[in-house]
Amino acid sequence: MKLRTFLTSAVAAAAALAFSAPAALAQSNYKSEYRMSLVLGTAFPWGKGGELWANKVRERTNGRINIKLYPGVSLIQGDQTREFSA
């Protein structure tokens, strides 16, 4: 019986954490502009997809979040070792 009580309490605590975390994240501060490096330019399908995605993010956040695209690895000036730190 104690095991059942413990498991019920553990599940209830996990559910409480799971439902409170998104609210806390939504209230946290966020950057209004993000940078996104694209290997290809916007003339290519991957570049066009990045452009469409950035527009969707801007649209769905009502302009609160803007993604600035850097096509053709212009953000990292061709140095791929800087790709994840840019």
Protein backbone atom coordinates (compact mmCIF):
# COMPACT_ATOMS: atom_id res chain seq x y z
CA MET A 1 0.00 0.00 0.00
CA LYS A 2 2.87 2.38 0.75
CA LEU A 3 4.31 1.76 -2.71
CA ARG A 4 1.00 2.67 -4.30
CA THR A 5 0.79 5.90 -2.29
CA PHE A 6 4.37 6.76 -3.20
CA LEU A 7 3.78 6.11 -6.91
CA THR A 8 0.59 8.18 -6.88
CA SER A 9 2.43 11.04 -5.20
CA ALA A 10 5.32 10.79 -7.66
CA VAL A 11 2.99 10.87 -10.67
CA ALA A 12 1.10 13.84 -9.22
CA ALA A 13 4.35 15.73 -8.60
CA ALA A 14 5.62 14.97 -12.11
CA ALA A 15 2.35 16.15 -13.63
CA ALA A 16 2.47 19.37 -11.59
CA LEU A 17 6.00 20.06 -12.82
CA ALA A 18 5.12 19.23 -16.40
CA PHE A 19 2.18 21.61 -16.46
CA SER A 20 3.93 24.46 -14.63
CA ALA A 21 7.12 24.44 -16.74
CA PRO A 22 5.57 25.78 -19.99
CA ALA A 23 3.96 28.66 -18.12
CA ALA A 24 7.28 29.57 -16.52
CA LEU A 25 9.05 29.40 -19.86
CA ALA A 26 6.41 31.55 -21.53
CA GLN A 27 6.91 34.26 -18.92
CA SER A 28 10.69 34.24 -19.13
CA ASN A 29 12.52 36.87 -21.11
CA TYR A 30 13.49 36.00 -24.64
CA LYS A 31 15.54 37.66 -27.31
CA SER A 32 13.51 39.50 -29.90
CA GLU A 33 15.92 38.73 -32.72
CA TYR A 34 17.78 35.55 -33.59
CA ARG A 35 20.38 34.90 -36.28
CA MET A 36 20.17 31.91 -38.58
CA SER A 37 23.00 30.83 -40.85
CA LEU A 38 22.07 29.13 -44.11
CA VAL A 39 24.62 27.19 -46.14
CA LEU A 40 22.78 27.92 -49.38
CA GLY A 41 21.24 31.10 -50.67
CA THR A 42 17.53 31.83 -50.82
CA ALA A 43 17.43 30.79 -54.49
CA PHE A 44 17.79 27.15 -53.41
CA PRO A 45 15.07 25.05 -51.71
CA TRP A 46 16.85 24.95 -48.32
CA GLY A 47 17.33 28.70 -48.39
CA LYS A 48 13.71 29.26 -49.41
CA GLY A 49 12.63 26.93 -46.58
CA GLY A 50 14.64 28.97 -44.09
CA GLU A 51 13.03 32.14 -45.38
CA LEU A 52 9.53 30.64 -45.09
CA TRP A 53 10.27 29.37 -41.58
CA ALA A 54 11.52 32.78 -40.43
CA ASN A 55 8.36 34.38 -41.81
CA LYS A 56 6.16 31.81 -40.02
CA VAL A 57 7.92 32.45 -36.70
CA ARG A 58 7.43 36.20 -37.12
CA GLU A 59 3.78 35.68 -38.07
CA ARG A 60 2.92 33.26 -35.26
CA THR A 61 4.61 35.39 -32.58
CA ASN A 62 2.89 38.55 -33.87
CA GLY A 63 6.26 40.10 -34.65
CA ARG A 64 7.73 39.57 -31.17
CA ILE A 65 10.43 37.25 -32.52
CA ASN A 66 12.37 38.06 -35.66
CA ILE A 67 14.84 35.72 -37.34
CA LYS A 68 17.52 37.40 -39.41
CA LEU A 69 18.80 35.12 -42.17
CA TYR A 70 22.43 34.96 -43.26
CA PRO A 71 22.47 33.00 -46.55
CA GLY A 72 25.61 31.52 -48.08
CA VAL A 73 27.37 31.19 -44.69
CA SER A 74 27.80 34.98 -44.55
CA LEU A 75 27.32 34.94 -40.77
CA ILE A 76 30.43 32.84 -40.23
CA GLN A 77 32.39 34.12 -43.26
CA GLY A 78 32.90 30.59 -44.57
CA ASP A 79 34.59 29.30 -41.38
CA GLN A 80 32.49 26.23 -40.59
CA THR A 81 34.16 25.75 -37.21
CA ARG A 82 32.25 28.85 -36.05
CA GLU A 83 28.86 27.56 -37.24
CA PHE A 84 27.50 26.68 -33.80
CA SER A 85 29.01 29.59 -31.90
CA ALA A 86 27.76 32.37 -34.17
